[in-house]
Amino acid sequence: MNRGGNQVKYHSFFTEPKAISISPSDTIFATGHKNGEVKVRSLSDFKETNVLKNHSDQLTCLAFTRDGTKLVTAGKDHQINVIDLRKM
């Protein structure tokens, strides 16, 4: 994936991400997984900053809001969640 000259490569520490989104600030990114987890990582060193279990089934998509303060997730459990990243 290439965004604004930054290239993100798939690393073996990921557990089969089903969705990925990079924050508007290009400082963090989130991955959605088959087990319903959302993992938030630093874009500079790929360190995990948060793991959220907001879905009971596989995530199908996720996206940051334009201002980067929230993360919206959707999954096969027919749920849509809005996560306020400022509260993490």
C-alpha atoms as a PDB file:
ATOM      1  CA  MET A   1       0.000   0.000   0.000  1.00  0.00           C
ATOM      2  CA  ASN A   2       1.329   3.402  -0.865  1.00  0.00           C
ATOM      3  CA  ARG A   3      -0.071   6.636   0.556  1.00  0.00           C
ATOM      4  CA  GLY A   4       1.640   9.959   0.104  1.00  0.00           C
ATOM      5  CA  GLY A   5       5.012   8.366  -0.534  1.00  0.00           C
ATOM      6  CA  ASN A   6       4.829   6.134   2.567  1.00  0.00           C
ATOM      7  CA  GLN A   7       4.731   2.458   1.826  1.00  0.00           C
ATOM      8  CA  VAL A   8       3.186   0.010   4.278  1.00  0.00           C
ATOM      9  CA  LYS A   9       4.268  -3.590   3.869  1.00  0.00           C
ATOM     10  CA  TYR A  10       2.484  -6.621   5.241  1.00  0.00           C
ATOM     11  CA  HIS A  11       4.436  -7.961   8.217  1.00  0.00           C
ATOM     12  CA  SER A  12       4.244 -11.441   9.706  1.00  0.00           C
ATOM     13  CA  PHE A  13       3.112 -10.105  13.107  1.00  0.00           C
ATOM     14  CA  PHE A  14      -0.302  -9.325  11.609  1.00  0.00           C
ATOM     15  CA  THR A  15      -2.964 -11.998  11.951  1.00  0.00           C
ATOM     16  CA  GLU A  16      -4.586 -11.886   8.532  1.00  0.00           C
ATOM     17  CA  PRO A  17      -6.005  -8.367   8.493  1.00  0.00           C
ATOM     18  CA  LYS A  18      -9.299  -8.128   6.644  1.00  0.00           C
ATOM     19  CA  ALA A  19      -9.323  -4.320   6.528  1.00  0.00           C
ATOM     20  CA  ILE A  20      -6.784  -1.530   6.958  1.00  0.00           C
ATOM     21  CA  SER A  21      -6.967   2.254   7.247  1.00  0.00           C
ATOM     22  CA  ILE A  22      -4.311   4.935   7.728  1.00  0.00           C
ATOM     23  CA  SER A  23      -5.146   8.006   9.810  1.00  0.00           C
ATOM     24  CA  PRO A  24      -5.284  11.393   8.055  1.00  0.00           C
ATOM     25  CA  SER A  25      -2.251  12.471  10.101  1.00  0.00           C
ATOM     26  CA  ASP A  26      -0.208   9.510   8.750  1.00  0.00           C
ATOM     27  CA  THR A  27       0.905   8.668  12.305  1.00  0.00           C
ATOM     28  CA  ILE A  28      -1.216   5.584  13.087  1.00  0.00           C
ATOM     29  CA  PHE A  29      -3.076   2.893  11.204  1.00  0.00           C
ATOM     30  CA  ALA A  30      -5.741   0.380  12.145  1.00  0.00           C
ATOM     31  CA  THR A  31      -6.324  -3.180  11.013  1.00  0.00           C
ATOM     32  CA  GLY A  32      -9.521  -5.193  11.325  1.00  0.00           C
ATOM     33  CA  HIS A  33      -9.300  -8.935  11.853  1.00  0.00           C
ATOM     34  CA  LYS A  34     -11.276 -12.139  11.405  1.00  0.00           C
ATOM     35  CA  ASN A  35     -11.684 -12.546  15.175  1.00  0.00           C
ATOM     36  CA  GLY A  36     -13.398  -9.132  15.503  1.00  0.00           C
ATOM     37  CA  GLU A  37     -10.357  -7.304  16.875  1.00  0.00           C
ATOM     38  CA  VAL A  38      -9.210  -3.864  15.793  1.00  0.00           C
ATOM     39  CA  LYS A  39      -5.497  -3.255  16.247  1.00  0.00           C
ATOM     40  CA  VAL A  40      -4.152   0.285  16.244  1.00  0.00           C
ATOM     41  CA  ARG A  41      -0.444   0.664  15.502  1.00  0.00           C
ATOM     42  CA  SER A  42       2.116   3.390  15.095  1.00  0.00           C
ATOM     43  CA  LEU A  43       2.959   3.926  11.433  1.00  0.00           C
ATOM     44  CA  SER A  44       6.573   4.778  12.234  1.00  0.00           C
ATOM     45  CA  ASP A  45       7.526   1.548  14.041  1.00  0.00           C
ATOM     46  CA  PHE A  46       4.408  -0.704  13.726  1.00  0.00           C
ATOM     47  CA  LYS A  47       4.139  -1.001  17.533  1.00  0.00           C
ATOM     48  CA  GLU A  48       0.671  -1.886  18.766  1.00  0.00           C
ATOM     49  CA  THR A  49      -0.856   0.984  20.734  1.00  0.00           C
ATOM     50  CA  ASN A  50      -4.354  -0.456  21.283  1.00  0.00           C
ATOM     51  CA  VAL A  51      -6.331  -3.634  20.705  1.00  0.00           C
ATOM     52  CA  LEU A  52     -10.099  -3.314  20.695  1.00  0.00           C
ATOM     53  CA  LYS A  53     -12.620  -6.140  20.717  1.00  0.00           C
ATOM     54  CA  ASN A  54     -15.754  -4.362  19.521  1.00  0.00           C
ATOM     55  CA  HIS A  55     -17.151  -7.052  17.212  1.00  0.00           C
ATOM     56  CA  SER A  56     -18.224 -10.639  17.731  1.00  0.00           C
ATOM     57  CA  ASP A  57     -17.372 -11.633  14.160  1.00  0.00           C
ATOM     58  CA  GLN A  58     -14.972 -10.664  11.363  1.00  0.00           C
ATOM     59  CA  LEU A  59     -14.422  -6.992  10.591  1.00  0.00           C
ATOM     60  CA  THR A  60     -15.316  -6.074   7.037  1.00  0.00           C
ATOM     61  CA  CYS A  61     -14.240  -2.442   6.898  1.00  0.00           C
ATOM     62  CA  LEU A  62     -12.890   0.426   8.956  1.00  0.00           C
ATOM     63  CA  ALA A  63     -12.083   4.065   8.349  1.00  0.00           C
ATOM     64  CA  PHE A  64     -10.827   7.109  10.207  1.00  0.00           C
ATOM     65  CA  THR A  65     -12.922  10.253  10.212  1.00  0.00           C
ATOM     66  CA  ARG A  66     -11.481  13.216   8.292  1.00  0.00           C
ATOM     67  CA  ASP A  67     -10.229  14.862  11.463  1.00  0.00           C
ATOM     68  CA  GLY A  68      -8.675  11.577  12.654  1.00  0.00           C
ATOM     69  CA  THR A  69     -10.360  11.646  16.061  1.00  0.00           C
ATOM     70  CA  LYS A  70     -12.656   8.673  15.461  1.00  0.00           C
ATOM     71  CA  LEU A  71     -12.464   5.240  13.896  1.00  0.00           C
ATOM     72  CA  VAL A  72     -15.586   3.716  12.351  1.00  0.00           C
ATOM     73  CA  THR A  73     -15.740  -0.083  12.123  1.00  0.00           C
ATOM     74  CA  ALA A  74     -18.214  -2.532  10.596  1.00  0.00           C
ATOM     75  CA  GLY A  75     -18.330  -6.283  10.773  1.00  0.00           C
ATOM     76  CA  LYS A  76     -20.115  -9.460   9.802  1.00  0.00           C
ATOM     77  CA  ASP A  77     -21.925  -9.224  13.135  1.00  0.00           C
ATOM     78  CA  HIS A  78     -24.048  -6.476  11.479  1.00  0.00           C
ATOM     79  CA  GLN A  79     -22.718  -3.853  13.893  1.00  0.00           C
ATOM     80  CA  ILE A  80     -21.220  -0.445  13.153  1.00  0.00           C
ATOM     81  CA  ASN A  81     -19.098   1.102  15.890  1.00  0.00           C
ATOM     82  CA  VAL A  82     -17.686   4.599  16.234  1.00  0.00           C
ATOM     83  CA  ILE A  83     -14.613   4.670  18.463  1.00  0.00           C
ATOM     84  CA  ASP A  84     -13.447   7.993  19.887  1.00  0.00           C
ATOM     85  CA  LEU A  85      -9.653   7.687  19.731  1.00  0.00           C
ATOM     86  CA  ARG A  86      -9.210  10.641  22.075  1.00  0.00           C
ATOM     87  CA  LYS A  87     -10.589   8.475  24.894  1.00  0.00           C
ATOM     88  CA  MET A  88      -8.070   5.686  24.401  1.00  0.00           C
END
